[in-house]
PDB file of N, CA and C in Angstrom:
ATOM      1  N   MET A   1      96.966 -20.295 184.336  1.00  0.00           N
ATOM      2  CA  MET A   1      98.107 -19.427 184.101  1.00  0.00           C
ATOM      3  C   MET A   1      97.873 -18.692 182.782  1.00  0.00           C
ATOM      4  N   ASN A   2      97.987 -17.409 182.840  1.00  0.00           N
ATOM      5  CA  ASN A   2      97.796 -16.622 181.633  1.00  0.00           C
ATOM      6  C   ASN A   2      99.156 -16.219 181.045  1.00  0.00           C
ATOM      7  N   ALA A   3      99.112 -15.430 180.000  1.00  0.00           N
ATOM      8  CA  ALA A   3     100.342 -15.047 179.305  1.00  0.00           C
ATOM      9  C   ALA A   3     101.236 -14.164 180.174  1.00  0.00           C
ATOM     10  N   VAL A   4     100.663 -13.358 181.015  1.00  0.00           N
ATOM     11  CA  VAL A   4     101.452 -12.486 181.884  1.00  0.00           C
ATOM     12  C   VAL A   4     102.246 -13.315 182.898  1.00  0.00           C
ATOM     13  N   ASP A   5     101.582 -14.328 183.480  1.00  0.00           N
ATOM     14  CA  ASP A   5     102.280 -15.201 184.432  1.00  0.00           C
ATOM     15  C   ASP A   5     103.391 -15.986 183.747  1.00  0.00           C
ATOM     16  N   ALA A   6     103.124 -16.488 182.555  1.00  0.00           N
ATOM     17  CA  ALA A   6     104.145 -17.234 181.823  1.00  0.00           C
ATOM     18  C   ALA A   6     105.324 -16.344 181.468  1.00  0.00           C
ATOM     19  N   ASN A   7     105.030 -15.118 181.064  1.00  0.00           N
ATOM     20  CA  ASN A   7     106.094 -14.174 180.739  1.00  0.00           C
ATOM     21  C   ASN A   7     106.933 -13.846 181.969  1.00  0.00           C
ATOM     22  N   GLU A   8     106.275 -13.665 183.103  1.00  0.00           N
ATOM     23  CA  GLU A   8     106.982 -13.392 184.351  1.00  0.00           C
ATOM     24  C   GLU A   8     107.865 -14.574 184.746  1.00  0.00           C
ATOM     25  N   LEU A   9     107.360 -15.775 184.574  1.00  0.00           N
ATOM     26  CA  LEU A   9     108.124 -16.970 184.899  1.00  0.00           C
ATOM     27  C   LEU A   9     109.351 -17.111 184.004  1.00  0.00           C
ATOM     28  N   ILE A  10     109.197 -16.866 182.724  1.00  0.00           N
ATOM     29  CA  ILE A  10     110.322 -16.947 181.798  1.00  0.00           C
ATOM     30  C   ILE A  10     111.356 -15.878 182.125  1.00  0.00           C
ATOM     31  N   GLN A  11     110.899 -14.675 182.427  1.00  0.00           N
ATOM     32  CA  GLN A  11     111.804 -13.588 182.774  1.00  0.00           C
ATOM     33  C   GLN A  11     112.569 -13.914 184.051  1.00  0.00           C
ATOM     34  N   LEU A  12     111.890 -14.476 185.026  1.00  0.00           N
ATOM     35  CA  LEU A  12     112.541 -14.856 186.280  1.00  0.00           C
ATOM     36  C   LEU A  12     113.553 -15.973 186.060  1.00  0.00           C
ATOM     37  N   ALA A  13     113.216 -16.933 185.200  1.00  0.00           N
ATOM     38  CA  ALA A  13     114.142 -18.030 184.913  1.00  0.00           C
ATOM     39  C   ALA A  13     115.410 -17.517 184.234  1.00  0.00           C
ATOM     40  N   ILE A  14     115.262 -16.611 183.306  1.00  0.00           N
ATOM     41  CA  ILE A  14     116.435 -16.039 182.636  1.00  0.00           C
ATOM     42  C   ILE A  14     117.276 -15.240 183.622  1.00  0.00           C
ATOM     43  N   TRP A  15     116.621 -14.469 184.486  1.00  0.00           N
ATOM     44  CA  TRP A  15     117.347 -13.673 185.470  1.00  0.00           C
ATOM     45  C   TRP A  15     118.118 -14.563 186.439  1.00  0.00           C
ATOM     46  N   VAL A  16     117.504 -15.634 186.916  1.00  0.00           N
ATOM     47  CA  VAL A  16     118.181 -16.544 187.839  1.00  0.00           C
ATOM     48  C   VAL A  16     119.359 -17.220 187.140  1.00  0.00           C
ATOM     49  N   THR A  17     119.183 -17.594 185.883  1.00  0.00           N
ATOM     50  CA  THR A  17     120.276 -18.214 185.133  1.00  0.00           C
ATOM     51  C   THR A  17     121.457 -17.266 185.003  1.00  0.00           C
ATOM     52  N   LEU A  18     121.192 -16.019 184.673  1.00  0.00           N
ATOM     53  CA  LEU A  18     122.267 -15.031 184.571  1.00  0.00           C
ATOM     54  C   LEU A  18     122.916 -14.781 185.931  1.00  0.00           C
ATOM     55  N   LEU A  19     122.121 -14.732 186.966  1.00  0.00           N
ATOM     56  CA  LEU A  19     122.630 -14.442 188.295  1.00  0.00           C
ATOM     57  C   LEU A  19     123.543 -15.551 188.816  1.00  0.00           C
ATOM     58  N   ILE A  20     123.157 -16.799 188.600  1.00  0.00           N
ATOM     59  CA  ILE A  20     123.982 -17.884 189.139  1.00  0.00           C
ATOM     60  C   ILE A  20     125.190 -18.202 188.256  1.00  0.00           C
ATOM     61  N   SER A  21     125.149 -17.800 186.988  1.00  0.00           N
ATOM     62  CA  SER A  21     126.305 -18.070 186.132  1.00  0.00           C
ATOM     63  C   SER A  21     127.308 -16.924 186.117  1.00  0.00           C
ATOM     64  N   ALA A  22     126.926 -15.756 186.574  1.00  0.00           N
ATOM     65  CA  ALA A  22     127.788 -14.575 186.499  1.00  0.00           C
ATOM     66  C   ALA A  22     129.125 -14.719 187.234  1.00  0.00           C
ATOM     67  N   PRO A  23     129.180 -15.243 188.465  1.00  0.00           N
ATOM     68  CA  PRO A  23     130.482 -15.331 189.138  1.00  0.00           C
ATOM     69  C   PRO A  23     131.476 -16.228 188.399  1.00  0.00           C
ATOM     70  N   VAL A  24     131.014 -17.360 187.913  1.00  0.00           N
ATOM     71  CA  VAL A  24     131.913 -18.293 187.230  1.00  0.00           C
ATOM     72  C   VAL A  24     132.355 -17.726 185.889  1.00  0.00           C
ATOM     73  N   VAL A  25     131.411 -17.217 185.122  1.00  0.00           N
ATOM     74  CA  VAL A  25     131.739 -16.703 183.794  1.00  0.00           C
ATOM     75  C   VAL A  25     132.669 -15.499 183.889  1.00  0.00           C
ATOM     76  N   SER A  26     132.392 -14.589 184.812  1.00  0.00           N
ATOM     77  CA  SER A  26     133.236 -13.393 184.918  1.00  0.00           C
ATOM     78  C   SER A  26     134.650 -13.739 185.390  1.00  0.00           C
ATOM     79  N   SER A  27     134.769 -14.668 186.334  1.00  0.00           N
ATOM     80  CA  SER A  27     136.111 -15.039 186.795  1.00  0.00           C
ATOM     81  C   SER A  27     136.905 -15.751 185.701  1.00  0.00           C
ATOM     82  N   VAL A  28     136.247 -16.604 184.933  1.00  0.00           N
ATOM     83  CA  VAL A  28     136.934 -17.284 183.834  1.00  0.00           C
ATOM     84  C   VAL A  28     137.323 -16.282 182.744  1.00  0.00           C
ATOM     85  N   MET A  29     136.478 -15.298 182.501  1.00  0.00           N
ATOM     86  CA  MET A  29     136.824 -14.263 181.517  1.00  0.00           C
ATOM     87  C   MET A  29     138.038 -13.457 181.957  1.00  0.00           C
ATOM     88  N   ILE A  30     138.104 -13.108 183.221  1.00  0.00           N
ATOM     89  CA  ILE A  30     139.236 -12.341 183.733  1.00  0.00           C
ATOM     90  C   ILE A  30     140.526 -13.152 183.628  1.00  0.00           C
ATOM     91  N   VAL A  31     140.470 -14.428 184.015  1.00  0.00           N
ATOM     92  CA  VAL A  31     141.649 -15.290 183.912  1.00  0.00           C
ATOM     93  C   VAL A  31     142.057 -15.457 182.449  1.00  0.00           C
ATOM     94  N   GLY A  32     141.098 -15.629 181.560  1.00  0.00           N
ATOM     95  CA  GLY A  32     141.406 -15.753 180.141  1.00  0.00           C
ATOM     96  C   GLY A  32     142.061 -14.503 179.587  1.00  0.00           C
ATOM     97  N   LEU A  33     141.591 -13.338 180.020  1.00  0.00           N
ATOM     98  CA  LEU A  33     142.186 -12.085 179.576  1.00  0.00           C
ATOM     99  C   LEU A  33     143.625 -11.948 180.064  1.00  0.00           C
ATOM    100  N   ILE A  34     143.851 -12.292 181.319  1.00  0.00           N
ATOM    101  CA  ILE A  34     145.211 -12.218 181.871  1.00  0.00           C
ATOM    102  C   ILE A  34     146.141 -13.169 181.132  1.00  0.00           C
ATOM    103  N   ILE A  35     145.685 -14.377 180.892  1.00  0.00           N
ATOM    104  CA  ILE A  35     146.520 -15.351 180.184  1.00  0.00           C
ATOM    105  C   ILE A  35     146.774 -14.908 178.753  1.00  0.00           C
ATOM    106  N   SER A  36     145.795 -14.332 178.106  1.00  0.00           N
ATOM    107  CA  SER A  36     145.988 -13.845 176.739  1.00  0.00           C
ATOM    108  C   SER A  36     147.023 -12.731 176.680  1.00  0.00           C
ATOM    109  N   VAL A  37     146.980 -11.841 177.652  1.00  0.00           N
ATOM    110  CA  VAL A  37     147.976 -10.767 177.697  1.00  0.00           C
ATOM    111  C   VAL A  37     149.364 -11.348 177.931  1.00  0.00           C
ATOM    112  N   LEU A  38     149.466 -12.304 178.850  1.00  0.00           N
ATOM    113  CA  LEU A  38     150.767 -12.930 179.099  1.00  0.00           C
ATOM    114  C   LEU A  38     151.276 -13.677 177.871  1.00  0.00           C
ATOM    115  N   GLN A  39     150.386 -14.344 177.156  1.00  0.00           N
ATOM    116  CA  GLN A  39     150.797 -15.038 175.938  1.00  0.00           C
ATOM    117  C   GLN A  39     151.242 -14.052 174.863  1.00  0.00           C
ATOM    118  N   ALA A  40     150.576 -12.931 174.771  1.00  0.00           N
ATOM    119  CA  ALA A  40     150.962 -11.929 173.780  1.00  0.00           C
ATOM    120  C   ALA A  40     152.316 -11.307 174.133  1.00  0.00           C
ATOM    121  N   LEU A  41     152.548 -11.117 175.423  1.00  0.00           N
ATOM    122  CA  LEU A  41     153.823 -10.521 175.840  1.00  0.00           C
ATOM    123  C   LEU A  41     154.992 -11.477 175.667  1.00  0.00           C
ATOM    124  N   THR A  42     154.775 -12.744 175.969  1.00  0.00           N
ATOM    125  CA  THR A  42     155.869 -13.718 175.913  1.00  0.00           C
ATOM    126  C   THR A  42     155.912 -14.500 174.615  1.00  0.00           C
ATOM    127  N   GLN A  43     154.908 -14.376 173.774  1.00  0.00           N
ATOM    128  CA  GLN A  43     154.784 -15.083 172.498  1.00  0.00           C
ATOM    129  C   GLN A  43     154.793 -16.605 172.677  1.00  0.00           C
ATOM    130  N   ILE A  44     154.257 -17.057 173.801  1.00  0.00           N
ATOM    131  CA  ILE A  44     154.071 -18.491 174.035  1.00  0.00           C
ATOM    132  C   ILE A  44     152.668 -18.833 173.576  1.00  0.00           C
ATOM    133  N   GLN A  45     152.540 -19.727 172.615  1.00  0.00           N
ATOM    134  CA  GLN A  45     151.228 -20.081 172.071  1.00  0.00           C
ATOM    135  C   GLN A  45     150.879 -21.528 172.395  1.00  0.00           C
ATOM    136  N   GLU A  46     150.885 -21.858 173.654  1.00  0.00           N
ATOM    137  CA  GLU A  46     150.531 -23.198 174.096  1.00  0.00           C
ATOM    138  C   GLU A  46     149.030 -23.261 174.377  1.00  0.00           C
ATOM    139  N   VAL A  47     148.348 -24.229 173.781  1.00  0.00           N
ATOM    140  CA  VAL A  47     146.897 -24.328 173.900  1.00  0.00           C
ATOM    141  C   VAL A  47     146.476 -24.683 175.320  1.00  0.00           C
ATOM    142  N   THR A  48     147.188 -25.612 175.946  1.00  0.00           N
ATOM    143  CA  THR A  48     146.795 -26.029 177.289  1.00  0.00           C
ATOM    144  C   THR A  48     147.014 -24.931 178.312  1.00  0.00           C
ATOM    145  N   LEU A  49     147.836 -23.962 177.990  1.00  0.00           N
ATOM    146  CA  LEU A  49     148.072 -22.855 178.912  1.00  0.00           C
ATOM    147  C   LEU A  49     146.811 -22.026 179.112  1.00  0.00           C
ATOM    148  N   THR A  50     145.931 -22.022 178.141  1.00  0.00           N
ATOM    149  CA  THR A  50     144.686 -21.263 178.299  1.00  0.00           C
ATOM    150  C   THR A  50     143.588 -22.072 178.977  1.00  0.00           C
ATOM    151  N   PHE A  51     143.518 -23.367 178.707  1.00  0.00           N
ATOM    152  CA  PHE A  51     142.396 -24.159 179.208  1.00  0.00           C
ATOM    153  C   PHE A  51     142.552 -24.597 180.658  1.00  0.00           C
ATOM    154  N   VAL A  52     143.723 -25.022 181.046  1.00  0.00           N
ATOM    155  CA  VAL A  52     143.904 -25.573 182.393  1.00  0.00           C
ATOM    156  C   VAL A  52     143.624 -24.534 183.484  1.00  0.00           C
ATOM    157  N   PRO A  53     144.182 -23.323 183.422  1.00  0.00           N
ATOM    158  CA  PRO A  53     143.836 -22.354 184.479  1.00  0.00           C
ATOM    159  C   PRO A  53     142.361 -21.973 184.490  1.00  0.00           C
ATOM    160  N   LYS A  54     141.746 -21.897 183.314  1.00  0.00           N
ATOM    161  CA  LYS A  54     140.316 -21.569 183.268  1.00  0.00           C
ATOM    162  C   LYS A  54     139.485 -22.657 183.930  1.00  0.00           C
ATOM    163  N   ILE A  55     139.819 -23.899 183.694  1.00  0.00           N
ATOM    164  CA  ILE A  55     139.075 -25.005 184.305  1.00  0.00           C
ATOM    165  C   ILE A  55     139.260 -24.994 185.817  1.00  0.00           C
ATOM    166  N   ILE A  56     140.478 -24.750 186.259  1.00  0.00           N
ATOM    167  CA  ILE A  56     140.741 -24.713 187.703  1.00  0.00           C
ATOM    168  C   ILE A  56     139.968 -23.573 188.362  1.00  0.00           C
ATOM    169  N   VAL A  57     139.996 -22.389 187.743  1.00  0.00           N
ATOM    170  CA  VAL A  57     139.271 -21.247 188.305  1.00  0.00           C
ATOM    171  C   VAL A  57     137.765 -21.502 188.295  1.00  0.00           C
ATOM    172  N   ALA A  58     137.262 -22.106 187.222  1.00  0.00           N
ATOM    173  CA  ALA A  58     135.828 -22.404 187.158  1.00  0.00           C
ATOM    174  C   ALA A  58     135.425 -23.377 188.266  1.00  0.00           C
ATOM    175  N   LEU A  59     136.213 -24.409 188.486  1.00  0.00           N
ATOM    176  CA  LEU A  59     135.892 -25.357 189.552  1.00  0.00           C
ATOM    177  C   LEU A  59     135.964 -24.697 190.927  1.00  0.00           C
ATOM    178  N   LEU A  60     136.983 -23.877 191.149  1.00  0.00           N
ATOM    179  CA  LEU A  60     137.083 -23.189 192.438  1.00  0.00           C
ATOM    180  C   LEU A  60     135.920 -22.226 192.663  1.00  0.00           C
ATOM    181  N   MET A  61     135.521 -21.525 191.618  1.00  0.00           N
ATOM    182  CA  MET A  61     134.385 -20.611 191.755  1.00  0.00           C
ATOM    183  C   MET A  61     133.077 -21.377 191.954  1.00  0.00           C
ATOM    184  N   LEU A  62     132.938 -22.521 191.293  1.00  0.00           N
ATOM    185  CA  LEU A  62     131.745 -23.335 191.526  1.00  0.00           C
ATOM    186  C   LEU A  62     131.668 -23.794 192.976  1.00  0.00           C
ATOM    187  N   ILE A  63     132.809 -24.199 193.525  1.00  0.00           N
ATOM    188  CA  ILE A  63     132.839 -24.629 194.923  1.00  0.00           C
ATOM    189  C   ILE A  63     132.541 -23.457 195.852  1.00  0.00           C
ATOM    190  N   ALA A  64     133.129 -22.297 195.550  1.00  0.00           N
ATOM    191  CA  ALA A  64     132.964 -21.131 196.428  1.00  0.00           C
ATOM    192  C   ALA A  64     131.550 -20.566 196.376  1.00  0.00           C
ATOM    193  N   THR A  65     130.905 -20.616 195.227  1.00  0.00           N
ATOM    194  CA  THR A  65     129.584 -19.993 195.090  1.00  0.00           C
ATOM    195  C   THR A  65     128.437 -21.006 195.070  1.00  0.00           C
ATOM    196  N   ALA A  66     128.720 -22.254 195.381  1.00  0.00           N
ATOM    197  CA  ALA A  66     127.668 -23.273 195.379  1.00  0.00           C
ATOM    198  C   ALA A  66     126.525 -22.960 196.353  1.00  0.00           C
ATOM    199  N   PRO A  67     126.799 -22.492 197.568  1.00  0.00           N
ATOM    200  CA  PRO A  67     125.667 -22.156 198.450  1.00  0.00           C
ATOM    201  C   PRO A  67     124.783 -21.041 197.890  1.00  0.00           C
ATOM    202  N   PHE A  68     125.404 -20.028 197.291  1.00  0.00           N
ATOM    203  CA  PHE A  68     124.644 -18.945 196.677  1.00  0.00           C
ATOM    204  C   PHE A  68     123.797 -19.460 195.519  1.00  0.00           C
ATOM    205  N   MET A  69     124.398 -20.282 194.670  1.00  0.00           N
ATOM    206  CA  MET A  69     123.668 -20.835 193.525  1.00  0.00           C
ATOM    207  C   MET A  69     122.506 -21.702 193.988  1.00  0.00           C
ATOM    208  N   GLY A  70     122.755 -22.530 194.970  1.00  0.00           N
ATOM    209  CA  GLY A  70     121.699 -23.391 195.488  1.00  0.00           C
ATOM    210  C   GLY A  70     120.552 -22.613 196.095  1.00  0.00           C
ATOM    211  N   SER A  71     120.880 -21.556 196.818  1.00  0.00           N
ATOM    212  CA  SER A  71     119.804 -20.757 197.424  1.00  0.00           C
ATOM    213  C   SER A  71     118.981 -20.047 196.355  1.00  0.00           C
ATOM    214  N   GLN A  72     119.620 -19.554 195.298  1.00  0.00           N
ATOM    215  CA  GLN A  72     118.889 -18.878 194.235  1.00  0.00           C
ATOM    216  C   GLN A  72     117.968 -19.847 193.490  1.00  0.00           C
ATOM    217  N   VAL A  73     118.456 -21.046 193.233  1.00  0.00           N
ATOM    218  CA  VAL A  73     117.630 -22.047 192.558  1.00  0.00           C
ATOM    219  C   VAL A  73     116.484 -22.481 193.470  1.00  0.00           C
ATOM    220  N   SER A  74     116.755 -22.579 194.776  1.00  0.00           N
ATOM    221  CA  SER A  74     115.713 -22.949 195.724  1.00  0.00           C
ATOM    222  C   SER A  74     114.626 -21.882 195.798  1.00  0.00           C
ATOM    223  N   ILE A  75     115.011 -20.618 195.809  1.00  0.00           N
ATOM    224  CA  ILE A  75     114.038 -19.526 195.817  1.00  0.00           C
ATOM    225  C   ILE A  75     113.201 -19.550 194.541  1.00  0.00           C
ATOM    226  N   PHE A  76     113.866 -19.775 193.409  1.00  0.00           N
ATOM    227  CA  PHE A  76     113.149 -19.854 192.136  1.00  0.00           C
ATOM    228  C   PHE A  76     112.169 -21.023 192.129  1.00  0.00           C
ATOM    229  N   ALA A  77     112.610 -22.179 192.622  1.00  0.00           N
ATOM    230  CA  ALA A  77     111.728 -23.349 192.657  1.00  0.00           C
ATOM    231  C   ALA A  77     110.526 -23.098 193.565  1.00  0.00           C
ATOM    232  N   ALA A  78     110.744 -22.434 194.688  1.00  0.00           N
ATOM    233  CA  ALA A  78     109.626 -22.123 195.587  1.00  0.00           C
ATOM    234  C   ALA A  78     108.614 -21.210 194.902  1.00  0.00           C
ATOM    235  N   LYS A  79     109.108 -20.230 194.132  1.00  0.00           N
ATOM    236  CA  LYS A  79     108.186 -19.344 193.395  1.00  0.00           C
ATOM    237  C   LYS A  79     107.415 -20.107 192.324  1.00  0.00           C
ATOM    238  N   VAL A  80     108.101 -21.007 191.628  1.00  0.00           N
ATOM    239  CA  VAL A  80     107.428 -21.803 190.587  1.00  0.00           C
ATOM    240  C   VAL A  80     106.375 -22.702 191.211  1.00  0.00           C
ATOM    241  N   TYR A  81     106.714 -23.368 192.321  1.00  0.00           N
ATOM    242  CA  TYR A  81     105.740 -24.235 192.980  1.00  0.00           C
ATOM    243  C   TYR A  81     104.561 -23.421 193.520  1.00  0.00           C
ATOM    244  N   GLY A  82     104.847 -22.215 193.993  1.00  0.00           N
ATOM    245  CA  GLY A  82     103.767 -21.343 194.449  1.00  0.00           C
ATOM    246  C   GLY A  82     102.835 -20.957 193.309  1.00  0.00           C
ATOM    247  N   MET A  83     103.409 -20.708 192.144  1.00  0.00           N
ATOM    248  CA  MET A  83     102.579 -20.377 190.982  1.00  0.00           C
ATOM    249  C   MET A  83     101.756 -21.591 190.542  1.00  0.00           C
ATOM    250  N   ILE A  84     102.350 -22.778 190.637  1.00  0.00           N
ATOM    251  CA  ILE A  84     101.623 -23.989 190.253  1.00  0.00           C
ATOM    252  C   ILE A  84     100.457 -24.224 191.215  1.00  0.00           C
ATOM    253  N   SER A  85     100.711 -24.046 192.504  1.00  0.00           N
ATOM    254  CA  SER A  85      99.634 -24.284 193.467  1.00  0.00           C
ATOM    255  C   SER A  85      98.527 -23.243 193.348  1.00  0.00           C
ATOM    256  N   SER A  86      98.875 -22.021 192.962  1.00  0.00           N
ATOM    257  CA  SER A  86      97.837 -21.004 192.793  1.00  0.00           C
ATOM    258  C   SER A  86      97.000 -21.273 191.547  1.00  0.00           C
ATOM    259  N   VAL A  87      97.597 -21.868 190.543  1.00  0.00           N
ATOM    260  CA  VAL A  87      96.839 -22.202 189.334  1.00  0.00           C
ATOM    261  C   VAL A  87      95.973 -23.425 189.580  1.00  0.00           C
ATOM    262  N   ALA A  88      96.521 -24.418 190.272  1.00  0.00           N
ATOM    263  CA  ALA A  88      95.801 -25.671 190.499  1.00  0.00           C
ATOM    264  C   ALA A  88      94.698 -25.496 191.538  1.00  0.00           C
ATOM    265  N   GLY A  89      94.906 -24.579 192.484  1.00  0.00           N
ATOM    266  CA  GLY A  89      93.956 -24.455 193.589  1.00  0.00           C
ATOM    267  C   GLY A  89      92.915 -23.485 193.379  1.00  0.00           C
TER     268      GLY A  89
END
Protein backbone atom coordinates (compact mmCIF):
# COMPACT_ATOMS: atom_id res chain seq x y z
CA MET A 1 0.00 0.00 0.00
CA ASN A 2 1.44 3.31 -1.00
CA ALA A 3 0.64 6.84 0.16
CA VAL A 4 -2.03 7.34 -2.49
CA ASP A 5 -3.94 4.24 -1.36
CA ALA A 6 -3.67 5.27 2.28
CA ASN A 7 -4.88 8.76 1.46
CA GLU A 8 -7.82 7.34 -0.49
CA LEU A 9 -8.70 5.05 2.40
CA ILE A 10 -8.61 7.89 4.93
CA GLN A 11 -10.70 10.09 2.65
CA LEU A 12 -13.25 7.31 2.20
CA ALA A 13 -13.40 6.69 5.95
CA ILE A 14 -14.07 10.36 6.66
CA TRP A 15 -16.72 10.50 3.93
CA VAL A 16 -18.51 7.41 5.27
CA THR A 17 -18.40 8.83 8.80
CA LEU A 18 -19.97 12.09 7.64
CA LEU A 19 -22.54 10.26 5.54
CA ILE A 20 -23.78 7.96 8.29
CA SER A 21 -23.82 10.65 10.98
CA ALA A 22 -25.56 13.33 8.90
CA PRO A 23 -29.21 12.20 9.40
CA VAL A 24 -28.92 12.00 13.18
CA VAL A 25 -26.89 15.17 13.62
CA SER A 26 -29.08 17.25 11.31
CA SER A 27 -32.33 16.08 12.93
CA VAL A 28 -31.00 16.79 16.42
CA MET A 29 -29.83 20.23 15.28
CA ILE A 30 -33.26 21.05 13.88
CA VAL A 31 -35.00 19.91 17.08
CA GLY A 32 -32.51 21.90 19.17
CA LEU A 33 -33.16 25.01 17.10
CA ILE A 34 -36.92 24.65 17.46
CA ILE A 35 -36.65 24.14 21.21
CA SER A 36 -34.32 27.12 21.55
CA VAL A 37 -36.78 29.34 19.72
CA LEU A 38 -39.63 28.10 21.91
CA GLN A 39 -37.56 28.71 25.04
CA ALA A 40 -36.71 32.22 23.88
CA LEU A 41 -40.36 32.97 23.14
CA THR A 42 -41.72 31.59 26.41
CA GLN A 43 -38.68 32.42 28.60
CA ILE A 44 -38.69 28.90 30.03
CA GLN A 45 -35.10 27.97 30.87
CA GLU A 46 -35.44 24.33 31.85
CA VAL A 47 -32.32 22.28 31.11
CA THR A 48 -34.09 18.96 30.64
CA LEU A 49 -36.39 20.55 28.09
CA THR A 50 -33.48 20.67 25.66
CA PHE A 51 -31.91 17.27 26.29
CA VAL A 52 -34.87 14.90 26.46
CA PRO A 53 -36.38 15.69 23.03
CA LYS A 54 -32.93 15.61 21.42
CA ILE A 55 -32.22 12.17 22.88
CA ILE A 56 -35.60 10.87 21.75
CA VAL A 57 -35.13 12.22 18.22
CA ALA A 58 -31.59 10.83 18.06
CA LEU A 59 -32.77 7.37 19.09
CA LEU A 60 -35.66 7.45 16.61
CA MET A 61 -33.35 8.55 13.80
CA LEU A 62 -30.84 5.84 14.71
CA ILE A 63 -33.61 3.25 14.50
CA ALA A 64 -34.96 4.68 11.23
CA THR A 65 -31.58 4.97 9.49
CA ALA A 66 -29.90 1.85 10.89
CA PRO A 67 -30.24 -0.14 7.63
CA PHE A 68 -28.69 2.73 5.66
CA MET A 69 -25.85 3.08 8.16
CA GLY A 70 -25.19 -0.64 8.17
CA SER A 71 -25.10 -0.85 4.40
CA GLN A 72 -22.65 2.07 4.17
CA VAL A 73 -20.34 0.53 6.75
CA SER A 74 -20.61 -2.83 4.98
CA ILE A 75 -19.67 -1.26 1.63
CA PHE A 76 -16.73 0.50 3.28
CA ALA A 77 -15.56 -2.71 4.95
CA ALA A 78 -15.76 -4.58 1.63
CA LYS A 79 -13.58 -1.89 0.00
CA VAL A 80 -11.06 -2.05 2.85
CA TYR A 81 -10.90 -5.85 2.69
CA GLY A 82 -10.49 -5.62 -1.08
CA MET A 83 -7.57 -3.25 -0.63
CA ILE A 84 -6.02 -5.57 1.95
CA SER A 85 -6.32 -8.58 -0.33
CA SER A 86 -4.81 -6.67 -3.24
CA VAL A 87 -1.83 -5.66 -1.11
CA ALA A 88 -1.36 -9.12 0.39
CA GLY A 89 -1.85 -10.99 -2.87
